[in-house]
Amino acid sequence: MKSIACVLALVASASAYQAPTMMAKRGKASPAPAPVKGVRSAALPFTTAPPSLDGSMIGDVGFDPLGLSMNTDYMPFESIKWYREAELQHGRVAQLAWLGFVFPNIYHFPSDATHNFGELNALAAVRAVPQWGLVQLAVFVGALEAQRYAKCIKGDNAAGDVGLGQGGFNPFGFEYTQEEYEEKQLQEIKHCRLAMLGVLGVWWQGILSGQGVIQQIGGAFDAPDYYGKAGYYFPDGI
Protein backbone atom coordinates (compact mmCIF):
# COMPACT_ATOMS: atom_id res chain seq x y z
CA MET A 1 0.00 0.00 0.00
CA LYS A 2 2.69 2.46 0.95
CA SER A 3 4.79 1.74 -2.13
CA ILE A 4 1.74 2.00 -4.39
CA ALA A 5 0.86 5.39 -2.92
CA CYS A 6 4.38 6.72 -3.44
CA VAL A 7 4.50 5.54 -7.06
CA LEU A 8 1.04 7.01 -7.67
CA ALA A 9 2.24 10.33 -6.30
CA LEU A 10 5.30 10.36 -8.55
CA VAL A 11 3.55 9.24 -11.76
CA ALA A 12 0.45 11.34 -11.34
CA SER A 13 2.41 14.43 -10.38
CA ALA A 14 4.47 14.06 -13.54
CA SER A 15 1.41 13.56 -15.72
CA ALA A 16 -0.60 16.35 -14.20
CA TYR A 17 2.22 18.71 -15.07
CA GLN A 18 3.18 17.05 -18.35
CA ALA A 19 2.92 20.32 -20.13
CA PRO A 20 6.10 21.83 -21.50
CA THR A 21 4.40 21.48 -24.89
CA MET A 22 1.01 22.45 -23.52
CA MET A 23 2.52 25.59 -22.09
CA ALA A 24 4.33 26.54 -25.26
CA LYS A 25 3.65 30.12 -26.20
CA ARG A 26 1.15 30.61 -28.98
CA GLY A 27 2.06 33.91 -30.54
CA LYS A 28 3.62 36.98 -29.06
CA ALA A 29 3.25 37.19 -25.31
CA SER A 30 1.38 40.11 -23.92
CA PRO A 31 1.87 41.36 -20.39
CA ALA A 32 -0.49 40.18 -17.71
CA PRO A 33 -3.45 42.51 -17.32
CA ALA A 34 -3.10 45.00 -14.53
CA PRO A 35 -5.05 44.00 -11.43
CA VAL A 36 -8.31 45.82 -11.08
CA LYS A 37 -9.82 46.90 -7.84
CA GLY A 38 -12.09 44.18 -6.65
CA VAL A 39 -13.04 41.93 -3.78
CA ARG A 40 -10.60 41.18 -0.99
CA SER A 41 -9.03 37.75 -1.20
CA ALA A 42 -10.51 35.39 1.38
CA ALA A 43 -7.20 33.48 1.51
CA LEU A 44 -5.01 36.59 1.74
CA PRO A 45 -7.18 39.34 3.25
CA PHE A 46 -4.43 41.94 2.85
CA THR A 47 -4.58 41.56 -0.95
CA THR A 48 -7.21 41.84 -3.65
CA ALA A 49 -8.40 38.73 -5.46
CA PRO A 50 -7.37 38.69 -9.14
CA PRO A 51 -10.25 39.31 -11.57
CA SER A 52 -9.79 35.82 -13.01
CA LEU A 53 -10.81 34.34 -9.65
CA ASP A 54 -14.31 35.69 -9.35
CA GLY A 55 -15.65 33.04 -7.00
CA SER A 56 -17.47 31.08 -9.70
CA MET A 57 -15.39 27.94 -9.10
CA ILE A 58 -16.10 25.73 -6.11
CA GLY A 59 -13.52 26.43 -3.41
CA ASP A 60 -12.25 29.65 -5.01
CA VAL A 61 -10.90 31.83 -2.19
CA GLY A 62 -8.91 34.23 -4.36
CA PHE A 63 -5.51 32.64 -3.72
CA ASP A 64 -3.13 33.45 -6.57
CA PRO A 65 -0.17 35.44 -5.19
CA LEU A 66 1.87 34.85 -8.39
CA GLY A 67 -0.91 35.92 -10.74
CA LEU A 68 -0.76 32.70 -12.77
CA SER A 69 -4.49 32.72 -13.47
CA MET A 70 -4.26 36.13 -15.17
CA ASN A 71 -1.54 35.34 -17.72
CA THR A 72 -3.59 33.65 -20.44
CA ASP A 73 -0.70 33.66 -22.94
CA TYR A 74 1.10 30.95 -21.00
CA MET A 75 -1.92 29.23 -19.47
CA PRO A 76 -2.18 25.60 -20.63
CA PHE A 77 -5.04 25.23 -23.13
CA GLU A 78 -5.81 28.90 -22.48
CA SER A 79 -8.16 27.87 -19.70
CA ILE A 80 -8.07 28.03 -15.92
CA LYS A 81 -9.70 24.59 -16.01
CA TRP A 82 -6.22 23.06 -16.37
CA TYR A 83 -5.11 24.53 -13.07
CA ARG A 84 -8.20 23.17 -11.30
CA GLU A 85 -7.67 19.76 -12.90
CA ALA A 86 -4.05 19.71 -11.70
CA GLU A 87 -5.09 20.77 -8.20
CA LEU A 88 -7.72 18.05 -7.94
CA GLN A 89 -5.44 15.34 -9.31
CA HIS A 90 -2.55 16.23 -7.02
CA GLY A 91 -4.93 16.44 -4.07
CA ARG A 92 -6.47 13.04 -4.77
CA VAL A 93 -3.06 11.42 -5.10
CA ALA A 94 -1.93 13.15 -1.90
CA GLN A 95 -4.87 11.63 -0.03
CA LEU A 96 -3.90 8.15 -1.21
CA ALA A 97 -0.25 8.83 -0.45
CA TRP A 98 -0.97 10.00 3.09
CA LEU A 99 -2.99 6.84 3.69
CA GLY A 100 -0.10 4.82 2.28
CA PHE A 101 2.32 6.49 4.68
CA VAL A 102 0.16 5.79 7.75
CA PHE A 103 -1.79 2.56 7.29
CA PRO A 104 1.17 0.14 6.93
CA ASN A 105 2.29 1.29 10.39
CA ILE A 106 -1.03 -0.06 11.68
CA TYR A 107 -1.24 -3.25 9.62
CA HIS A 108 0.84 -4.87 6.89
CA PHE A 109 1.27 -8.33 5.40
CA PRO A 110 3.91 -10.62 6.94
CA SER A 111 7.24 -10.65 5.11
CA ASP A 112 8.80 -13.69 3.50
CA ALA A 113 12.03 -14.54 1.70
CA THR A 114 11.10 -12.59 -1.43
CA HIS A 115 8.78 -9.86 -0.11
CA ASN A 116 9.64 -7.30 2.54
CA PHE A 117 6.49 -5.79 4.02
CA GLY A 118 8.14 -4.81 7.28
CA GLU A 119 9.68 -1.53 6.08
CA LEU A 120 7.46 1.10 7.71
CA ASN A 121 9.14 4.14 6.16
CA ALA A 122 7.20 4.54 2.92
CA LEU A 123 10.11 6.22 1.14
CA ALA A 124 12.44 3.33 1.88
CA ALA A 125 9.69 0.81 1.05
CA VAL A 126 9.73 1.88 -2.60
CA ARG A 127 13.18 0.30 -2.94
CA ALA A 128 11.82 -2.96 -1.52
CA VAL A 129 9.30 -3.36 -4.37
CA PRO A 130 10.46 -5.80 -7.07
CA GLN A 131 11.42 -4.14 -10.35
CA TRP A 132 8.60 -5.73 -12.32
CA GLY A 133 6.17 -4.67 -9.63
CA LEU A 134 7.10 -1.05 -10.27
CA VAL A 135 6.68 -1.62 -14.02
CA GLN A 136 3.19 -2.99 -13.48
CA LEU A 137 2.28 -0.01 -11.33
CA ALA A 138 3.62 2.43 -13.92
CA VAL A 139 1.63 0.77 -16.73
CA PHE A 140 -1.57 0.67 -14.66
CA VAL A 141 -1.31 4.28 -13.50
CA GLY A 142 -0.31 5.39 -17.01
CA ALA A 143 -3.49 3.85 -18.42
CA LEU A 144 -5.59 5.68 -15.84
CA GLU A 145 -3.81 8.94 -16.61
CA ALA A 146 -4.40 8.49 -20.34
CA GLN A 147 -8.13 8.17 -19.67
CA ARG A 148 -8.09 11.23 -17.44
CA TYR A 149 -6.25 13.26 -20.07
CA ALA A 150 -8.73 12.22 -22.77
CA LYS A 151 -11.77 13.07 -20.64
CA CYS A 152 -10.79 16.04 -18.50
CA ILE A 153 -7.97 17.86 -20.29
CA LYS A 154 -8.42 17.21 -23.98
CA GLY A 155 -12.12 16.36 -23.67
CA ASP A 156 -15.11 18.35 -22.51
CA ASN A 157 -15.57 16.88 -19.04
CA ALA A 158 -15.45 19.24 -16.11
CA ALA A 159 -12.17 19.38 -14.19
CA GLY A 160 -11.85 16.24 -12.09
CA ASP A 161 -14.80 14.47 -13.71
CA VAL A 162 -13.44 11.07 -14.77
CA GLY A 163 -16.85 9.43 -14.97
CA LEU A 164 -16.99 8.04 -11.43
CA GLY A 165 -19.81 8.67 -9.00
CA GLN A 166 -22.96 10.60 -9.75
CA GLY A 167 -23.50 10.86 -13.50
CA GLY A 168 -21.12 7.98 -14.31
CA PHE A 169 -20.06 4.67 -12.81
CA ASN A 170 -22.05 4.84 -9.59
CA PRO A 171 -22.06 1.50 -7.71
CA PHE A 172 -23.09 3.16 -4.44
CA GLY A 173 -26.07 4.91 -5.99
CA PHE A 174 -25.18 8.49 -5.06
CA GLU A 175 -28.00 10.87 -5.95
CA TYR A 176 -27.31 14.39 -4.71
CA THR A 177 -29.23 17.55 -5.36
CA GLN A 178 -27.32 20.36 -7.05
CA GLU A 179 -26.69 22.06 -3.71
CA GLU A 180 -25.56 18.82 -2.07
CA TYR A 181 -23.31 18.03 -5.02
CA GLU A 182 -21.61 21.42 -4.81
CA GLU A 183 -21.12 20.91 -1.08
CA LYS A 184 -19.41 17.57 -1.78
CA GLN A 185 -17.19 19.26 -4.34
CA LEU A 186 -16.21 21.88 -1.77
CA GLN A 187 -15.45 19.18 0.78
CA GLU A 188 -13.25 17.37 -1.74
CA ILE A 189 -11.18 20.41 -2.70
CA LYS A 190 -10.63 21.24 0.98
CA HIS A 191 -9.53 17.68 1.69
CA CYS A 192 -7.26 17.80 -1.35
CA ARG A 193 -5.51 20.95 -0.18
CA LEU A 194 -5.13 19.64 3.37
CA ALA A 195 -3.80 16.30 2.09
CA MET A 196 -1.15 18.00 -0.04
CA LEU A 197 0.15 19.79 3.05
CA GLY A 198 -0.15 16.64 5.14
CA VAL A 199 1.74 14.41 2.73
CA LEU A 200 4.47 17.03 2.45
CA GLY A 201 4.87 16.86 6.22
CA VAL A 202 5.09 13.06 6.45
CA TRP A 203 7.36 12.99 3.39
CA TRP A 204 9.93 15.30 4.98
CA GLN A 205 9.65 13.56 8.34
CA GLY A 206 10.34 10.26 6.60
CA ILE A 207 13.45 11.75 5.03
CA LEU A 208 14.72 13.27 8.27
CA SER A 209 13.89 10.45 10.67
CA GLY A 210 13.96 7.34 8.47
CA GLN A 211 10.99 6.00 10.44
CA GLY A 212 7.31 5.35 9.85
CA VAL A 213 4.71 7.91 10.91
CA ILE A 214 3.41 5.96 13.92
CA GLN A 215 6.98 5.18 14.99
CA GLN A 216 7.74 8.90 15.05
CA ILE A 217 4.66 9.65 17.15
CA GLY A 218 5.55 6.90 19.62
CA GLY A 219 9.10 8.21 19.98
CA ALA A 220 7.80 11.62 20.96
CA PHE A 221 6.62 10.17 24.29
CA ASP A 222 9.88 8.41 25.15
CA ALA A 223 11.84 10.04 27.97
CA PRO A 224 15.59 10.36 27.24
CA ASP A 225 18.11 8.77 29.62
CA TYR A 226 19.39 12.08 30.97
CA TYR A 227 15.88 13.04 32.03
CA GLY A 228 16.02 10.62 34.95
CA LYS A 229 19.02 12.32 36.52
CA ALA A 230 18.28 15.01 39.09
CA GLY A 231 19.19 18.43 37.78
CA TYR A 232 19.90 17.22 34.24
CA TYR A 233 17.74 19.10 31.80
CA PHE A 234 20.04 18.95 28.79
CA PRO A 235 22.02 16.12 27.18
CA ASP A 236 25.66 15.72 28.18
CA GLY A 237 27.97 18.08 26.35
CA ILE A 238 25.48 20.96 26.09
C-alpha atoms as a PDB file:
ATOM      1  CA  MET A   1       0.000   0.000   0.000  1.00  0.00           C
ATOM      2  CA  LYS A   2       2.691   2.463   0.954  1.00  0.00           C
ATOM      3  CA  SER A   3       4.788   1.737  -2.125  1.00  0.00           C
ATOM      4  CA  ILE A   4       1.745   2.004  -4.389  1.00  0.00           C
ATOM      5  CA  ALA A   5       0.858   5.391  -2.924  1.00  0.00           C
ATOM      6  CA  CYS A   6       4.383   6.724  -3.436  1.00  0.00           C
ATOM      7  CA  VAL A   7       4.503   5.541  -7.058  1.00  0.00           C
ATOM      8  CA  LEU A   8       1.044   7.013  -7.665  1.00  0.00           C
ATOM      9  CA  ALA A   9       2.236  10.332  -6.298  1.00  0.00           C
ATOM     10  CA  LEU A  10       5.304  10.360  -8.554  1.00  0.00           C
ATOM     11  CA  VAL A  11       3.553   9.242 -11.760  1.00  0.00           C
ATOM     12  CA  ALA A  12       0.448  11.341 -11.335  1.00  0.00           C
ATOM     13  CA  SER A  13       2.410  14.426 -10.383  1.00  0.00           C
ATOM     14  CA  ALA A  14       4.467  14.056 -13.539  1.00  0.00           C
ATOM     15  CA  SER A  15       1.409  13.560 -15.724  1.00  0.00           C
ATOM     16  CA  ALA A  16      -0.597  16.354 -14.196  1.00  0.00           C
ATOM     17  CA  TYR A  17       2.224  18.708 -15.075  1.00  0.00           C
ATOM     18  CA  GLN A  18       3.184  17.050 -18.355  1.00  0.00           C
ATOM     19  CA  ALA A  19       2.922  20.323 -20.129  1.00  0.00           C
ATOM     20  CA  PRO A  20       6.101  21.829 -21.498  1.00  0.00           C
ATOM     21  CA  THR A  21       4.401  21.484 -24.893  1.00  0.00           C
ATOM     22  CA  MET A  22       1.014  22.455 -23.518  1.00  0.00           C
ATOM     23  CA  MET A  23       2.516  25.595 -22.087  1.00  0.00           C
ATOM     24  CA  ALA A  24       4.328  26.539 -25.258  1.00  0.00           C
ATOM     25  CA  LYS A  25       3.651  30.116 -26.198  1.00  0.00           C
ATOM     26  CA  ARG A  26       1.145  30.608 -28.984  1.00  0.00           C
ATOM     27  CA  GLY A  27       2.063  33.911 -30.543  1.00  0.00           C
ATOM     28  CA  LYS A  28       3.615  36.979 -29.055  1.00  0.00           C
ATOM     29  CA  ALA A  29       3.252  37.189 -25.312  1.00  0.00           C
ATOM     30  CA  SER A  30       1.384  40.109 -23.917  1.00  0.00           C
ATOM     31  CA  PRO A  31       1.874  41.363 -20.387  1.00  0.00           C
ATOM     32  CA  ALA A  32      -0.487  40.177 -17.707  1.00  0.00           C
ATOM     33  CA  PRO A  33      -3.447  42.512 -17.317  1.00  0.00           C
ATOM     34  CA  ALA A  34      -3.099  44.995 -14.530  1.00  0.00           C
ATOM     35  CA  PRO A  35      -5.049  44.002 -11.427  1.00  0.00           C
ATOM     36  CA  VAL A  36      -8.314  45.822 -11.084  1.00  0.00           C
ATOM     37  CA  LYS A  37      -9.817  46.900  -7.843  1.00  0.00           C
ATOM     38  CA  GLY A  38     -12.090  44.176  -6.649  1.00  0.00           C
ATOM     39  CA  VAL A  39     -13.036  41.934  -3.776  1.00  0.00           C
ATOM     40  CA  ARG A  40     -10.604  41.178  -0.987  1.00  0.00           C
ATOM     41  CA  SER A  41      -9.025  37.750  -1.198  1.00  0.00           C
ATOM     42  CA  ALA A  42     -10.514  35.386   1.384  1.00  0.00           C
ATOM     43  CA  ALA A  43      -7.203  33.484   1.514  1.00  0.00           C
ATOM     44  CA  LEU A  44      -5.012  36.595   1.738  1.00  0.00           C
ATOM     45  CA  PRO A  45      -7.182  39.343   3.255  1.00  0.00           C
ATOM     46  CA  PHE A  46      -4.425  41.942   2.848  1.00  0.00           C
ATOM     47  CA  THR A  47      -4.584  41.555  -0.953  1.00  0.00           C
ATOM     48  CA  THR A  48      -7.208  41.841  -3.653  1.00  0.00           C
ATOM     49  CA  ALA A  49      -8.403  38.728  -5.457  1.00  0.00           C
ATOM     50  CA  PRO A  50      -7.371  38.694  -9.137  1.00  0.00           C
ATOM     51  CA  PRO A  51     -10.248  39.308 -11.566  1.00  0.00           C
ATOM     52  CA  SER A  52      -9.787  35.815 -13.011  1.00  0.00           C
ATOM     53  CA  LEU A  53     -10.808  34.341  -9.650  1.00  0.00           C
ATOM     54  CA  ASP A  54     -14.314  35.695  -9.354  1.00  0.00           C
ATOM     55  CA  GLY A  55     -15.654  33.038  -6.999  1.00  0.00           C
ATOM     56  CA  SER A  56     -17.474  31.082  -9.701  1.00  0.00           C
ATOM     57  CA  MET A  57     -15.392  27.941  -9.097  1.00  0.00           C
ATOM     58  CA  ILE A  58     -16.103  25.731  -6.108  1.00  0.00           C
ATOM     59  CA  GLY A  59     -13.520  26.431  -3.409  1.00  0.00           C
ATOM     60  CA  ASP A  60     -12.252  29.645  -5.006  1.00  0.00           C
ATOM     61  CA  VAL A  61     -10.901  31.832  -2.191  1.00  0.00           C
ATOM     62  CA  GLY A  62      -8.906  34.230  -4.355  1.00  0.00           C
ATOM     63  CA  PHE A  63      -5.514  32.637  -3.719  1.00  0.00           C
ATOM     64  CA  ASP A  64      -3.131  33.453  -6.567  1.00  0.00           C
ATOM     65  CA  PRO A  65      -0.167  35.436  -5.187  1.00  0.00           C
ATOM     66  CA  LEU A  66       1.874  34.851  -8.389  1.00  0.00           C
ATOM     67  CA  GLY A  67      -0.913  35.923 -10.743  1.00  0.00           C
ATOM     68  CA  LEU A  68      -0.759  32.695 -12.767  1.00  0.00           C
ATOM     69  CA  SER A  69      -4.486  32.721 -13.470  1.00  0.00           C
ATOM     70  CA  MET A  70      -4.264  36.128 -15.168  1.00  0.00           C
ATOM     71  CA  ASN A  71      -1.544  35.342 -17.719  1.00  0.00           C
ATOM     72  CA  THR A  72      -3.591  33.650 -20.437  1.00  0.00           C
ATOM     73  CA  ASP A  73      -0.699  33.659 -22.945  1.00  0.00           C
ATOM     74  CA  TYR A  74       1.103  30.950 -20.999  1.00  0.00           C
ATOM     75  CA  MET A  75      -1.922  29.233 -19.466  1.00  0.00           C
ATOM     76  CA  PRO A  76      -2.183  25.598 -20.628  1.00  0.00           C
ATOM     77  CA  PHE A  77      -5.043  25.226 -23.134  1.00  0.00           C
ATOM     78  CA  GLU A  78      -5.813  28.899 -22.480  1.00  0.00           C
ATOM     79  CA  SER A  79      -8.163  27.870 -19.700  1.00  0.00           C
ATOM     80  CA  ILE A  80      -8.065  28.027 -15.918  1.00  0.00           C
ATOM     81  CA  LYS A  81      -9.696  24.594 -16.011  1.00  0.00           C
ATOM     82  CA  TRP A  82      -6.219  23.058 -16.370  1.00  0.00           C
ATOM     83  CA  TYR A  83      -5.108  24.527 -13.065  1.00  0.00           C
ATOM     84  CA  ARG A  84      -8.196  23.174 -11.295  1.00  0.00           C
ATOM     85  CA  GLU A  85      -7.666  19.760 -12.897  1.00  0.00           C
ATOM     86  CA  ALA A  86      -4.047  19.713 -11.695  1.00  0.00           C
ATOM     87  CA  GLU A  87      -5.087  20.775  -8.196  1.00  0.00           C
ATOM     88  CA  LEU A  88      -7.724  18.050  -7.937  1.00  0.00           C
ATOM     89  CA  GLN A  89      -5.444  15.344  -9.312  1.00  0.00           C
ATOM     90  CA  HIS A  90      -2.549  16.231  -7.018  1.00  0.00           C
ATOM     91  CA  GLY A  91      -4.934  16.438  -4.068  1.00  0.00           C
ATOM     92  CA  ARG A  92      -6.468  13.037  -4.768  1.00  0.00           C
ATOM     93  CA  VAL A  93      -3.065  11.418  -5.103  1.00  0.00           C
ATOM     94  CA  ALA A  94      -1.934  13.149  -1.898  1.00  0.00           C
ATOM     95  CA  GLN A  95      -4.874  11.634  -0.025  1.00  0.00           C
ATOM     96  CA  LEU A  96      -3.903   8.151  -1.214  1.00  0.00           C
ATOM     97  CA  ALA A  97      -0.250   8.834  -0.454  1.00  0.00           C
ATOM     98  CA  TRP A  98      -0.970  10.000   3.094  1.00  0.00           C
ATOM     99  CA  LEU A  99      -2.991   6.837   3.687  1.00  0.00           C
ATOM    100  CA  GLY A 100      -0.102   4.823   2.278  1.00  0.00           C
ATOM    101  CA  PHE A 101       2.318   6.487   4.677  1.00  0.00           C
ATOM    102  CA  VAL A 102       0.160   5.793   7.749  1.00  0.00           C
ATOM    103  CA  PHE A 103      -1.792   2.564   7.288  1.00  0.00           C
ATOM    104  CA  PRO A 104       1.169   0.140   6.928  1.00  0.00           C
ATOM    105  CA  ASN A 105       2.287   1.288  10.392  1.00  0.00           C
ATOM    106  CA  ILE A 106      -1.030  -0.058  11.682  1.00  0.00           C
ATOM    107  CA  TYR A 107      -1.237  -3.251   9.625  1.00  0.00           C
ATOM    108  CA  HIS A 108       0.836  -4.871   6.892  1.00  0.00           C
ATOM    109  CA  PHE A 109       1.269  -8.326   5.401  1.00  0.00           C
ATOM    110  CA  PRO A 110       3.907 -10.622   6.937  1.00  0.00           C
ATOM    111  CA  SER A 111       7.239 -10.652   5.112  1.00  0.00           C
ATOM    112  CA  ASP A 112       8.802 -13.695   3.497  1.00  0.00           C
ATOM    113  CA  ALA A 113      12.028 -14.538   1.703  1.00  0.00           C
ATOM    114  CA  THR A 114      11.098 -12.595  -1.435  1.00  0.00           C
ATOM    115  CA  HIS A 115       8.785  -9.857  -0.111  1.00  0.00           C
ATOM    116  CA  ASN A 116       9.641  -7.298   2.542  1.00  0.00           C
ATOM    117  CA  PHE A 117       6.489  -5.795   4.021  1.00  0.00           C
ATOM    118  CA  GLY A 118       8.141  -4.814   7.280  1.00  0.00           C
ATOM    119  CA  GLU A 119       9.680  -1.525   6.077  1.00  0.00           C
ATOM    120  CA  LEU A 120       7.464   1.097   7.708  1.00  0.00           C
ATOM    121  CA  ASN A 121       9.136   4.139   6.161  1.00  0.00           C
ATOM    122  CA  ALA A 122       7.198   4.542   2.915  1.00  0.00           C
ATOM    123  CA  LEU A 123      10.105   6.224   1.139  1.00  0.00           C
ATOM    124  CA  ALA A 124      12.439   3.329   1.884  1.00  0.00           C
ATOM    125  CA  ALA A 125       9.688   0.812   1.049  1.00  0.00           C
ATOM    126  CA  VAL A 126       9.729   1.877  -2.604  1.00  0.00           C
ATOM    127  CA  ARG A 127      13.176   0.303  -2.937  1.00  0.00           C
ATOM    128  CA  ALA A 128      11.818  -2.959  -1.523  1.00  0.00           C
ATOM    129  CA  VAL A 129       9.298  -3.355  -4.368  1.00  0.00           C
ATOM    130  CA  PRO A 130      10.461  -5.802  -7.069  1.00  0.00           C
ATOM    131  CA  GLN A 131      11.418  -4.145 -10.352  1.00  0.00           C
ATOM    132  CA  TRP A 132       8.596  -5.725 -12.319  1.00  0.00           C
ATOM    133  CA  GLY A 133       6.168  -4.666  -9.632  1.00  0.00           C
ATOM    134  CA  LEU A 134       7.105  -1.046 -10.274  1.00  0.00           C
ATOM    135  CA  VAL A 135       6.683  -1.618 -14.022  1.00  0.00           C
ATOM    136  CA  GLN A 136       3.189  -2.992 -13.483  1.00  0.00           C
ATOM    137  CA  LEU A 137       2.283  -0.014 -11.332  1.00  0.00           C
ATOM    138  CA  ALA A 138       3.615   2.426 -13.919  1.00  0.00           C
ATOM    139  CA  VAL A 139       1.631   0.767 -16.726  1.00  0.00           C
ATOM    140  CA  PHE A 140      -1.565   0.672 -14.655  1.00  0.00           C
ATOM    141  CA  VAL A 141      -1.309   4.283 -13.502  1.00  0.00           C
ATOM    142  CA  GLY A 142      -0.309   5.393 -17.011  1.00  0.00           C
ATOM    143  CA  ALA A 143      -3.486   3.845 -18.423  1.00  0.00           C
ATOM    144  CA  LEU A 144      -5.589   5.684 -15.844  1.00  0.00           C
ATOM    145  CA  GLU A 145      -3.809   8.937 -16.610  1.00  0.00           C
ATOM    146  CA  ALA A 146      -4.401   8.490 -20.340  1.00  0.00           C
ATOM    147  CA  GLN A 147      -8.132   8.167 -19.671  1.00  0.00           C
ATOM    148  CA  ARG A 148      -8.089  11.233 -17.438  1.00  0.00           C
ATOM    149  CA  TYR A 149      -6.248  13.255 -20.074  1.00  0.00           C
ATOM    150  CA  ALA A 150      -8.726  12.223 -22.774  1.00  0.00           C
ATOM    151  CA  LYS A 151     -11.773  13.067 -20.638  1.00  0.00           C
ATOM    152  CA  CYS A 152     -10.786  16.040 -18.498  1.00  0.00           C
ATOM    153  CA  ILE A 153      -7.967  17.857 -20.294  1.00  0.00           C
ATOM    154  CA  LYS A 154      -8.422  17.205 -23.979  1.00  0.00           C
ATOM    155  CA  GLY A 155     -12.121  16.359 -23.667  1.00  0.00           C
ATOM    156  CA  ASP A 156     -15.112  18.354 -22.511  1.00  0.00           C
ATOM    157  CA  ASN A 157     -15.569  16.878 -19.043  1.00  0.00           C
ATOM    158  CA  ALA A 158     -15.445  19.238 -16.110  1.00  0.00           C
ATOM    159  CA  ALA A 159     -12.172  19.378 -14.186  1.00  0.00           C
ATOM    160  CA  GLY A 160     -11.847  16.240 -12.094  1.00  0.00           C
ATOM    161  CA  ASP A 161     -14.799  14.466 -13.712  1.00  0.00           C
ATOM    162  CA  VAL A 162     -13.442  11.074 -14.767  1.00  0.00           C
ATOM    163  CA  GLY A 163     -16.851   9.434 -14.967  1.00  0.00           C
ATOM    164  CA  LEU A 164     -16.991   8.039 -11.428  1.00  0.00           C
ATOM    165  CA  GLY A 165     -19.811   8.666  -8.997  1.00  0.00           C
ATOM    166  CA  GLN A 166     -22.957  10.595  -9.752  1.00  0.00           C
ATOM    167  CA  GLY A 167     -23.497  10.856 -13.498  1.00  0.00           C
ATOM    168  CA  GLY A 168     -21.119   7.981 -14.308  1.00  0.00           C
ATOM    169  CA  PHE A 169     -20.064   4.670 -12.805  1.00  0.00           C
ATOM    170  CA  ASN A 170     -22.049   4.843  -9.590  1.00  0.00           C
ATOM    171  CA  PRO A 171     -22.059   1.502  -7.712  1.00  0.00           C
ATOM    172  CA  PHE A 172     -23.092   3.160  -4.437  1.00  0.00           C
ATOM    173  CA  GLY A 173     -26.074   4.911  -5.993  1.00  0.00           C
ATOM    174  CA  PHE A 174     -25.181   8.492  -5.061  1.00  0.00           C
ATOM    175  CA  GLU A 175     -28.004  10.871  -5.948  1.00  0.00           C
ATOM    176  CA  TYR A 176     -27.314  14.385  -4.705  1.00  0.00           C
ATOM    177  CA  THR A 177     -29.228  17.547  -5.362  1.00  0.00           C
ATOM    178  CA  GLN A 178     -27.321  20.360  -7.047  1.00  0.00           C
ATOM    179  CA  GLU A 179     -26.692  22.063  -3.705  1.00  0.00           C
ATOM    180  CA  GLU A 180     -25.563  18.822  -2.074  1.00  0.00           C
ATOM    181  CA  TYR A 181     -23.306  18.035  -5.017  1.00  0.00           C
ATOM    182  CA  GLU A 182     -21.609  21.415  -4.813  1.00  0.00           C
ATOM    183  CA  GLU A 183     -21.122  20.912  -1.080  1.00  0.00           C
ATOM    184  CA  LYS A 184     -19.408  17.570  -1.778  1.00  0.00           C
ATOM    185  CA  GLN A 185     -17.188  19.262  -4.344  1.00  0.00           C
ATOM    186  CA  LEU A 186     -16.210  21.877  -1.767  1.00  0.00           C
ATOM    187  CA  GLN A 187     -15.447  19.175   0.778  1.00  0.00           C
ATOM    188  CA  GLU A 188     -13.249  17.373  -1.740  1.00  0.00           C
ATOM    189  CA  ILE A 189     -11.185  20.410  -2.704  1.00  0.00           C
ATOM    190  CA  LYS A 190     -10.630  21.237   0.977  1.00  0.00           C
ATOM    191  CA  HIS A 191      -9.530  17.678   1.689  1.00  0.00           C
ATOM    192  CA  CYS A 192      -7.257  17.802  -1.355  1.00  0.00           C
ATOM    193  CA  ARG A 193      -5.515  20.954  -0.182  1.00  0.00           C
ATOM    194  CA  LEU A 194      -5.130  19.639   3.366  1.00  0.00           C
ATOM    195  CA  ALA A 195      -3.798  16.302   2.089  1.00  0.00           C
ATOM    196  CA  MET A 196      -1.146  17.998  -0.044  1.00  0.00           C
ATOM    197  CA  LEU A 197       0.149  19.794   3.046  1.00  0.00           C
ATOM    198  CA  GLY A 198      -0.153  16.642   5.140  1.00  0.00           C
ATOM    199  CA  VAL A 199       1.740  14.410   2.734  1.00  0.00           C
ATOM    200  CA  LEU A 200       4.473  17.028   2.445  1.00  0.00           C
ATOM    201  CA  GLY A 201       4.869  16.860   6.215  1.00  0.00           C
ATOM    202  CA  VAL A 202       5.088  13.063   6.452  1.00  0.00           C
ATOM    203  CA  TRP A 203       7.365  12.994   3.393  1.00  0.00           C
ATOM    204  CA  TRP A 204       9.929  15.295   4.975  1.00  0.00           C
ATOM    205  CA  GLN A 205       9.646  13.563   8.338  1.00  0.00           C
ATOM    206  CA  GLY A 206      10.335  10.264   6.604  1.00  0.00           C
ATOM    207  CA  ILE A 207      13.455  11.747   5.027  1.00  0.00           C
ATOM    208  CA  LEU A 208      14.719  13.273   8.265  1.00  0.00           C
ATOM    209  CA  SER A 209      13.890  10.450  10.669  1.00  0.00           C
ATOM    210  CA  GLY A 210      13.961   7.343   8.471  1.00  0.00           C
ATOM    211  CA  GLN A 211      10.989   5.996  10.443  1.00  0.00           C
ATOM    212  CA  GLY A 212       7.314   5.355   9.846  1.00  0.00           C
ATOM    213  CA  VAL A 213       4.711   7.914  10.906  1.00  0.00           C
ATOM    214  CA  ILE A 214       3.409   5.962  13.917  1.00  0.00           C
ATOM    215  CA  GLN A 215       6.980   5.185  14.994  1.00  0.00           C
ATOM    216  CA  GLN A 216       7.741   8.897  15.050  1.00  0.00           C
ATOM    217  CA  ILE A 217       4.664   9.650  17.154  1.00  0.00           C
ATOM    218  CA  GLY A 218       5.549   6.903  19.621  1.00  0.00           C
ATOM    219  CA  GLY A 219       9.098   8.208  19.975  1.00  0.00           C
ATOM    220  CA  ALA A 220       7.799  11.620  20.955  1.00  0.00           C
ATOM    221  CA  PHE A 221       6.622  10.172  24.286  1.00  0.00           C
ATOM    222  CA  ASP A 222       9.883   8.412  25.149  1.00  0.00           C
ATOM    223  CA  ALA A 223      11.843  10.045  27.970  1.00  0.00           C
ATOM    224  CA  PRO A 224      15.588  10.364  27.239  1.00  0.00           C
ATOM    225  CA  ASP A 225      18.111   8.774  29.617  1.00  0.00           C
ATOM    226  CA  TYR A 226      19.393  12.081  30.974  1.00  0.00           C
ATOM    227  CA  TYR A 227      15.877  13.042  32.026  1.00  0.00           C
ATOM    228  CA  GLY A 228      16.023  10.617  34.954  1.00  0.00           C
ATOM    229  CA  LYS A 229      19.019  12.319  36.522  1.00  0.00           C
ATOM    230  CA  ALA A 230      18.282  15.005  39.089  1.00  0.00           C
ATOM    231  CA  GLY A 231      19.186  18.430  37.776  1.00  0.00           C
ATOM    232  CA  TYR A 232      19.895  17.222  34.243  1.00  0.00           C
ATOM    233  CA  TYR A 233      17.741  19.098  31.801  1.00  0.00           C
ATOM    234  CA  PHE A 234      20.039  18.951  28.787  1.00  0.00           C
ATOM    235  CA  PRO A 235      22.021  16.123  27.178  1.00  0.00           C
ATOM    236  CA  ASP A 236      25.655  15.721  28.177  1.00  0.00           C
ATOM    237  CA  GLY A 237      27.966  18.078  26.349  1.00  0.00           C
ATOM    238  CA  ILE A 238      25.478  20.957  26.085  1.00  0.00           C
END
